[in-house]
């Protein structure tokens, strides 16, 4: 077994600070009631300078730590159609040392809460496959598109294809006698209990139990 470590990041989400700034108290309380978010009142922001500073710091830390690879598991930008947000994501990511691979996973801001053929095509064009596997140091890693598990109503067949891919990948990992099998996805399967009720943040129970 080869010793190594990796870094998982998530939600660089260039543009989110601007969206959540300048909210009135009623809207802040609505987010708290519906999502459990604690948003601090802030003057309206424009652009994504705060996201830039945070992501620059994260990439610099990754360079210091020198992992075997980095996974960035979704919500890459706030607006997938904004070329400036995408360019800033890529500009900073390019500062990662060239020998450290980056593996992307899609989040709901990248393909939509209800993915469509168009949003999947756009993501695949910009970032590559939305589900795939790779190996490192005797271990197997699987990246899934959890947004399809969340709502596949506009993408018939995608959920079944992804489940078939997962089953095949798990079998192949077992046949390789992988030291570890790790699955990455944007949404958590559940918060506290595999049988918990559905909510806005976790994979719906009917799909969750298939994955488990």
C-alpha atoms as a PDB file:
ATOM      1  CA  UNK A   1       0.000   0.000   0.000  1.00  0.00           C
ATOM      2  CA  UNK A   2       1.375   3.401  -0.993  1.00  0.00           C
ATOM      3  CA  UNK A   3       1.025   6.238   1.503  1.00  0.00           C
ATOM      4  CA  UNK A   4      -0.363   9.464   0.060  1.00  0.00           C
ATOM      5  CA  UNK A   5      -2.961  12.106   0.810  1.00  0.00           C
ATOM      6  CA  UNK A   6      -5.278  14.274  -1.227  1.00  0.00           C
ATOM      7  CA  UNK A   7      -7.206  17.499  -0.743  1.00  0.00           C
ATOM      8  CA  UNK A   8     -10.918  17.910  -1.320  1.00  0.00           C
ATOM      9  CA  UNK A   9     -12.224  21.444  -1.804  1.00  0.00           C
ATOM     10  CA  UNK A  10     -15.752  22.527  -2.578  1.00  0.00           C
ATOM     11  CA  UNK A  11     -17.838  25.575  -3.469  1.00  0.00           C
ATOM     12  CA  UNK A  12     -15.364  28.190  -4.669  1.00  0.00           C
ATOM     13  CA  UNK A  13     -18.591  29.599  -6.192  1.00  0.00           C
ATOM     14  CA  UNK A  14     -17.357  32.852  -7.685  1.00  0.00           C
ATOM     15  CA  UNK A  15     -20.195  35.373  -7.380  1.00  0.00           C
ATOM     16  CA  UNK A  16     -21.945  33.995  -4.295  1.00  0.00           C
ATOM     17  CA  UNK A  17     -20.864  36.818  -1.959  1.00  0.00           C
ATOM     18  CA  UNK A  18     -22.418  39.351  -4.320  1.00  0.00           C
ATOM     19  CA  UNK A  19     -25.692  37.416  -4.481  1.00  0.00           C
ATOM     20  CA  UNK A  20     -25.994  37.147  -0.708  1.00  0.00           C
ATOM     21  CA  UNK A  21     -24.924  40.712   0.065  1.00  0.00           C
ATOM     22  CA  UNK A  22     -27.265  43.662   0.431  1.00  0.00           C
ATOM     23  CA  UNK A  23     -30.137  41.525   1.739  1.00  0.00           C
ATOM     24  CA  UNK A  24     -32.773  43.057   3.991  1.00  0.00           C
ATOM     25  CA  UNK A  25     -33.597  41.509   7.359  1.00  0.00           C
ATOM     26  CA  UNK A  26     -36.707  39.742   6.053  1.00  0.00           C
ATOM     27  CA  UNK A  27     -34.714  37.959   3.354  1.00  0.00           C
ATOM     28  CA  UNK A  28     -31.945  37.057   5.808  1.00  0.00           C
ATOM     29  CA  UNK A  29     -34.493  35.497   8.160  1.00  0.00           C
ATOM     30  CA  UNK A  30     -36.089  33.623   5.259  1.00  0.00           C
ATOM     31  CA  UNK A  31     -32.737  32.001   4.450  1.00  0.00           C
ATOM     32  CA  UNK A  32     -32.343  31.097   8.123  1.00  0.00           C
ATOM     33  CA  UNK A  33     -35.799  29.499   8.325  1.00  0.00           C
ATOM     34  CA  UNK A  34     -35.609  27.589   5.055  1.00  0.00           C
ATOM     35  CA  UNK A  35     -31.935  26.647   4.923  1.00  0.00           C
ATOM     36  CA  UNK A  36     -30.513  27.169   8.392  1.00  0.00           C
ATOM     37  CA  UNK A  37     -28.065  29.709   6.998  1.00  0.00           C
ATOM     38  CA  UNK A  38     -26.741  32.484   9.238  1.00  0.00           C
ATOM     39  CA  UNK A  39     -26.103  35.359   6.826  1.00  0.00           C
ATOM     40  CA  UNK A  40     -24.542  38.508   8.241  1.00  0.00           C
ATOM     41  CA  UNK A  41     -25.919  41.823   6.986  1.00  0.00           C
ATOM     42  CA  UNK A  42     -23.499  43.337   4.463  1.00  0.00           C
ATOM     43  CA  UNK A  43     -23.445  46.176   1.986  1.00  0.00           C
ATOM     44  CA  UNK A  44     -24.157  45.172  -1.589  1.00  0.00           C
ATOM     45  CA  UNK A  45     -21.018  43.716  -3.185  1.00  0.00           C
ATOM     46  CA  UNK A  46     -20.156  43.642  -6.868  1.00  0.00           C
ATOM     47  CA  UNK A  47     -17.837  41.157  -8.514  1.00  0.00           C
ATOM     48  CA  UNK A  48     -16.059  38.292  -6.774  1.00  0.00           C
ATOM     49  CA  UNK A  49     -13.006  39.717  -5.006  1.00  0.00           C
ATOM     50  CA  UNK A  50     -13.799  37.826  -1.794  1.00  0.00           C
ATOM     51  CA  UNK A  51     -14.026  34.505  -3.612  1.00  0.00           C
ATOM     52  CA  UNK A  52     -10.768  35.323  -5.385  1.00  0.00           C
ATOM     53  CA  UNK A  53      -8.981  35.935  -2.077  1.00  0.00           C
ATOM     54  CA  UNK A  54     -10.298  32.728  -0.513  1.00  0.00           C
ATOM     55  CA  UNK A  55      -9.552  30.517  -3.513  1.00  0.00           C
ATOM     56  CA  UNK A  56      -6.071  32.019  -3.913  1.00  0.00           C
ATOM     57  CA  UNK A  57      -5.443  31.125  -0.276  1.00  0.00           C
ATOM     58  CA  UNK A  58      -6.748  27.574  -0.770  1.00  0.00           C
ATOM     59  CA  UNK A  59      -4.602  26.931  -3.855  1.00  0.00           C
ATOM     60  CA  UNK A  60      -1.529  28.362  -2.119  1.00  0.00           C
ATOM     61  CA  UNK A  61      -2.151  26.016   0.817  1.00  0.00           C
ATOM     62  CA  UNK A  62      -2.477  23.068  -1.556  1.00  0.00           C
ATOM     63  CA  UNK A  63       0.851  23.951  -3.138  1.00  0.00           C
ATOM     64  CA  UNK A  64       2.515  24.034   0.282  1.00  0.00           C
ATOM     65  CA  UNK A  65       0.994  20.697   1.298  1.00  0.00           C
ATOM     66  CA  UNK A  66       1.754  19.011  -2.058  1.00  0.00           C
ATOM     67  CA  UNK A  67      -1.063  16.419  -2.200  1.00  0.00           C
ATOM     68  CA  UNK A  68      -1.238  13.578  -4.704  1.00  0.00           C
ATOM     69  CA  UNK A  69      -4.256  15.317  -6.261  1.00  0.00           C
ATOM     70  CA  UNK A  70      -7.004  17.857  -5.578  1.00  0.00           C
ATOM     71  CA  UNK A  71     -10.736  17.253  -5.964  1.00  0.00           C
ATOM     72  CA  UNK A  72     -13.033  20.263  -6.273  1.00  0.00           C
ATOM     73  CA  UNK A  73     -16.479  18.913  -5.641  1.00  0.00           C
ATOM     74  CA  UNK A  74     -18.908  21.316  -7.176  1.00  0.00           C
ATOM     75  CA  UNK A  75     -20.460  24.771  -7.140  1.00  0.00           C
ATOM     76  CA  UNK A  76     -17.488  26.092  -9.036  1.00  0.00           C
ATOM     77  CA  UNK A  77     -19.149  29.369 -10.013  1.00  0.00           C
ATOM     78  CA  UNK A  78     -22.390  31.147  -9.209  1.00  0.00           C
ATOM     79  CA  UNK A  79     -23.307  31.742 -12.853  1.00  0.00           C
ATOM     80  CA  UNK A  80     -22.171  29.033 -15.266  1.00  0.00           C
ATOM     81  CA  UNK A  81     -22.856  31.435 -18.154  1.00  0.00           C
ATOM     82  CA  UNK A  82     -20.572  34.180 -16.817  1.00  0.00           C
ATOM     83  CA  UNK A  83     -17.240  34.011 -18.677  1.00  0.00           C
ATOM     84  CA  UNK A  84     -15.542  36.228 -16.083  1.00  0.00           C
ATOM     85  CA  UNK A  85     -16.373  33.872 -13.219  1.00  0.00           C
ATOM     86  CA  UNK A  86     -15.185  30.869 -15.227  1.00  0.00           C
ATOM     87  CA  UNK A  87     -11.994  32.677 -16.252  1.00  0.00           C
ATOM     88  CA  UNK A  88     -11.168  33.594 -12.656  1.00  0.00           C
ATOM     89  CA  UNK A  89     -11.729  30.010 -11.522  1.00  0.00           C
ATOM     90  CA  UNK A  90      -9.356  28.773 -14.203  1.00  0.00           C
ATOM     91  CA  UNK A  91      -6.783  31.524 -13.644  1.00  0.00           C
ATOM     92  CA  UNK A  92      -6.348  30.667  -9.993  1.00  0.00           C
ATOM     93  CA  UNK A  93      -6.578  26.906 -10.487  1.00  0.00           C
ATOM     94  CA  UNK A  94      -3.698  27.195 -12.974  1.00  0.00           C
ATOM     95  CA  UNK A  95      -1.491  28.323 -10.075  1.00  0.00           C
ATOM     96  CA  UNK A  96      -1.631  24.808  -8.653  1.00  0.00           C
ATOM     97  CA  UNK A  97       1.696  23.065  -9.219  1.00  0.00           C
ATOM     98  CA  UNK A  98       1.606  21.337 -12.588  1.00  0.00           C
ATOM     99  CA  UNK A  99       2.350  17.898 -11.124  1.00  0.00           C
ATOM    100  CA  UNK A 100      -0.814  18.017  -8.958  1.00  0.00           C
ATOM    101  CA  UNK A 101      -3.867  16.816 -10.941  1.00  0.00           C
ATOM    102  CA  UNK A 102      -7.233  18.519 -10.455  1.00  0.00           C
ATOM    103  CA  UNK A 103     -10.423  16.451 -10.586  1.00  0.00           C
ATOM    104  CA  UNK A 104     -13.731  18.319 -10.943  1.00  0.00           C
ATOM    105  CA  UNK A 105     -17.205  17.277  -9.793  1.00  0.00           C
ATOM    106  CA  UNK A 106     -20.410  19.142 -10.682  1.00  0.00           C
ATOM    107  CA  UNK A 107     -22.616  20.949  -8.195  1.00  0.00           C
ATOM    108  CA  UNK A 108     -26.110  22.330  -8.544  1.00  0.00           C
ATOM    109  CA  UNK A 109     -24.810  25.766  -9.524  1.00  0.00           C
ATOM    110  CA  UNK A 110     -22.838  24.130 -12.336  1.00  0.00           C
ATOM    111  CA  UNK A 111     -25.574  21.995 -13.923  1.00  0.00           C
ATOM    112  CA  UNK A 112     -28.726  23.248 -12.177  1.00  0.00           C
ATOM    113  CA  UNK A 113     -30.952  21.908  -9.427  1.00  0.00           C
ATOM    114  CA  UNK A 114     -32.783  20.151 -12.240  1.00  0.00           C
ATOM    115  CA  UNK A 115     -30.094  19.336 -14.811  1.00  0.00           C
ATOM    116  CA  UNK A 116     -31.019  19.439 -18.475  1.00  0.00           C
ATOM    117  CA  UNK A 117     -29.308  18.024 -21.555  1.00  0.00           C
ATOM    118  CA  UNK A 118     -28.033  21.540 -22.267  1.00  0.00           C
ATOM    119  CA  UNK A 119     -26.523  22.121 -18.817  1.00  0.00           C
ATOM    120  CA  UNK A 120     -24.875  18.696 -18.857  1.00  0.00           C
ATOM    121  CA  UNK A 121     -23.455  19.376 -22.312  1.00  0.00           C
ATOM    122  CA  UNK A 122     -22.146  22.757 -21.156  1.00  0.00           C
ATOM    123  CA  UNK A 123     -20.492  21.281 -18.062  1.00  0.00           C
ATOM    124  CA  UNK A 124     -18.918  18.447 -20.031  1.00  0.00           C
ATOM    125  CA  UNK A 125     -17.583  20.941 -22.548  1.00  0.00           C
ATOM    126  CA  UNK A 126     -16.080  23.160 -19.844  1.00  0.00           C
ATOM    127  CA  UNK A 127     -14.869  20.594 -17.306  1.00  0.00           C
ATOM    128  CA  UNK A 128     -14.999  17.113 -18.830  1.00  0.00           C
ATOM    129  CA  UNK A 129     -17.028  14.105 -17.735  1.00  0.00           C
ATOM    130  CA  UNK A 130     -19.518  14.688 -14.934  1.00  0.00           C
ATOM    131  CA  UNK A 131     -18.936  11.186 -13.553  1.00  0.00           C
ATOM    132  CA  UNK A 132     -15.791   9.093 -13.884  1.00  0.00           C
ATOM    133  CA  UNK A 133     -13.215   7.096 -11.937  1.00  0.00           C
ATOM    134  CA  UNK A 134      -9.464   7.173 -11.450  1.00  0.00           C
ATOM    135  CA  UNK A 135      -6.795   5.341  -9.470  1.00  0.00           C
ATOM    136  CA  UNK A 136      -4.009   6.572  -7.243  1.00  0.00           C
ATOM    137  CA  UNK A 137      -1.487   4.635  -5.181  1.00  0.00           C
ATOM    138  CA  UNK A 138      -3.434   1.385  -5.018  1.00  0.00           C
ATOM    139  CA  UNK A 139      -6.748   3.081  -4.204  1.00  0.00           C
ATOM    140  CA  UNK A 140      -9.785   3.686  -6.407  1.00  0.00           C
ATOM    141  CA  UNK A 141     -11.711   6.954  -6.617  1.00  0.00           C
ATOM    142  CA  UNK A 142     -15.138   7.527  -8.144  1.00  0.00           C
ATOM    143  CA  UNK A 143     -16.649  10.932  -8.937  1.00  0.00           C
ATOM    144  CA  UNK A 144     -20.441  11.147  -9.328  1.00  0.00           C
ATOM    145  CA  UNK A 145     -22.877  13.785 -10.515  1.00  0.00           C
ATOM    146  CA  UNK A 146     -25.118  14.036  -7.462  1.00  0.00           C
ATOM    147  CA  UNK A 147     -27.377  16.569  -9.187  1.00  0.00           C
ATOM    148  CA  UNK A 148     -28.719  13.779 -11.387  1.00  0.00           C
ATOM    149  CA  UNK A 149     -29.534  11.864  -8.213  1.00  0.00           C
ATOM    150  CA  UNK A 150     -31.254  14.931  -6.838  1.00  0.00           C
ATOM    151  CA  UNK A 151     -33.545  15.472  -9.818  1.00  0.00           C
ATOM    152  CA  UNK A 152     -33.285  13.600 -13.125  1.00  0.00           C
ATOM    153  CA  UNK A 153     -36.716  14.602 -14.413  1.00  0.00           C
ATOM    154  CA  UNK A 154     -35.281  16.459 -17.423  1.00  0.00           C
ATOM    155  CA  UNK A 155     -32.492  13.984 -18.220  1.00  0.00           C
ATOM    156  CA  UNK A 156     -34.121  10.590 -18.827  1.00  0.00           C
ATOM    157  CA  UNK A 157     -31.679   7.723 -18.712  1.00  0.00           C
ATOM    158  CA  UNK A 158     -28.845   9.649 -17.045  1.00  0.00           C
ATOM    159  CA  UNK A 159     -29.542   8.284 -13.561  1.00  0.00           C
ATOM    160  CA  UNK A 160     -29.644   4.678 -14.781  1.00  0.00           C
ATOM    161  CA  UNK A 161     -26.414   5.143 -16.730  1.00  0.00           C
ATOM    162  CA  UNK A 162     -24.681   6.606 -13.712  1.00  0.00           C
ATOM    163  CA  UNK A 163     -25.849   3.820 -11.396  1.00  0.00           C
ATOM    164  CA  UNK A 164     -24.633   1.223 -13.902  1.00  0.00           C
ATOM    165  CA  UNK A 165     -21.296   3.055 -14.078  1.00  0.00           C
ATOM    166  CA  UNK A 166     -21.024   3.073 -10.282  1.00  0.00           C
ATOM    167  CA  UNK A 167     -21.726  -0.647 -10.007  1.00  0.00           C
ATOM    168  CA  UNK A 168     -19.154  -1.431 -12.686  1.00  0.00           C
ATOM    169  CA  UNK A 169     -16.577   0.863 -11.084  1.00  0.00           C
ATOM    170  CA  UNK A 170     -17.079  -0.691  -7.651  1.00  0.00           C
ATOM    171  CA  UNK A 171     -16.693  -4.187  -9.101  1.00  0.00           C
ATOM    172  CA  UNK A 172     -13.528  -3.168 -10.941  1.00  0.00           C
ATOM    173  CA  UNK A 173     -12.109  -1.581  -7.801  1.00  0.00           C
ATOM    174  CA  UNK A 174     -12.813  -4.765  -5.867  1.00  0.00           C
ATOM    175  CA  UNK A 175     -11.201  -6.879  -8.577  1.00  0.00           C
ATOM    176  CA  UNK A 176      -8.105  -4.679  -8.343  1.00  0.00           C
ATOM    177  CA  UNK A 177      -8.015  -5.339  -4.582  1.00  0.00           C
ATOM    178  CA  UNK A 178      -8.036  -1.586  -4.023  1.00  0.00           C
ATOM    179  CA  UNK A 179      -6.711  -0.485  -0.648  1.00  0.00           C
ATOM    180  CA  UNK A 180      -9.508   2.069  -0.425  1.00  0.00           C
ATOM    181  CA  UNK A 181     -12.561   2.991  -2.486  1.00  0.00           C
ATOM    182  CA  UNK A 182     -13.580   6.644  -2.178  1.00  0.00           C
ATOM    183  CA  UNK A 183     -16.634   8.259  -3.780  1.00  0.00           C
ATOM    184  CA  UNK A 184     -16.865  12.033  -4.291  1.00  0.00           C
ATOM    185  CA  UNK A 185     -20.083  13.939  -4.923  1.00  0.00           C
ATOM    186  CA  UNK A 186     -21.411  17.414  -4.266  1.00  0.00           C
ATOM    187  CA  UNK A 187     -24.535  16.679  -2.230  1.00  0.00           C
ATOM    188  CA  UNK A 188     -24.338  14.631   0.969  1.00  0.00           C
ATOM    189  CA  UNK A 189     -26.235  11.363   0.836  1.00  0.00           C
ATOM    190  CA  UNK A 190     -27.761  12.172   4.221  1.00  0.00           C
ATOM    191  CA  UNK A 191     -27.174  14.362   7.232  1.00  0.00           C
ATOM    192  CA  UNK A 192     -27.627  12.102  10.262  1.00  0.00           C
ATOM    193  CA  UNK A 193     -29.414   8.907   9.266  1.00  0.00           C
ATOM    194  CA  UNK A 194     -29.533   6.945   5.987  1.00  0.00           C
ATOM    195  CA  UNK A 195     -33.312   6.659   6.389  1.00  0.00           C
ATOM    196  CA  UNK A 196     -33.978  10.302   7.228  1.00  0.00           C
ATOM    197  CA  UNK A 197     -36.674  12.256   5.417  1.00  0.00           C
ATOM    198  CA  UNK A 198     -35.874  14.168   2.253  1.00  0.00           C
ATOM    199  CA  UNK A 199     -34.799  17.799   2.549  1.00  0.00           C
ATOM    200  CA  UNK A 200     -33.297  20.460   0.292  1.00  0.00           C
ATOM    201  CA  UNK A 201     -29.681  19.511   1.050  1.00  0.00           C
ATOM    202  CA  UNK A 202     -29.450  15.722   0.711  1.00  0.00           C
ATOM    203  CA  UNK A 203     -29.986  13.117  -1.997  1.00  0.00           C
ATOM    204  CA  UNK A 204     -33.650  11.982  -2.000  1.00  0.00           C
ATOM    205  CA  UNK A 205     -34.191   8.788  -0.043  1.00  0.00           C
ATOM    206  CA  UNK A 206     -35.250   6.624  -2.994  1.00  0.00           C
ATOM    207  CA  UNK A 207     -32.015   7.428  -4.857  1.00  0.00           C
ATOM    208  CA  UNK A 208     -29.903   7.536  -1.703  1.00  0.00           C
ATOM    209  CA  UNK A 209     -30.680   3.945  -0.780  1.00  0.00           C
ATOM    210  CA  UNK A 210     -29.721   2.786  -4.276  1.00  0.00           C
ATOM    211  CA  UNK A 211     -26.309   4.423  -3.898  1.00  0.00           C
ATOM    212  CA  UNK A 212     -25.816   3.075  -0.395  1.00  0.00           C
END
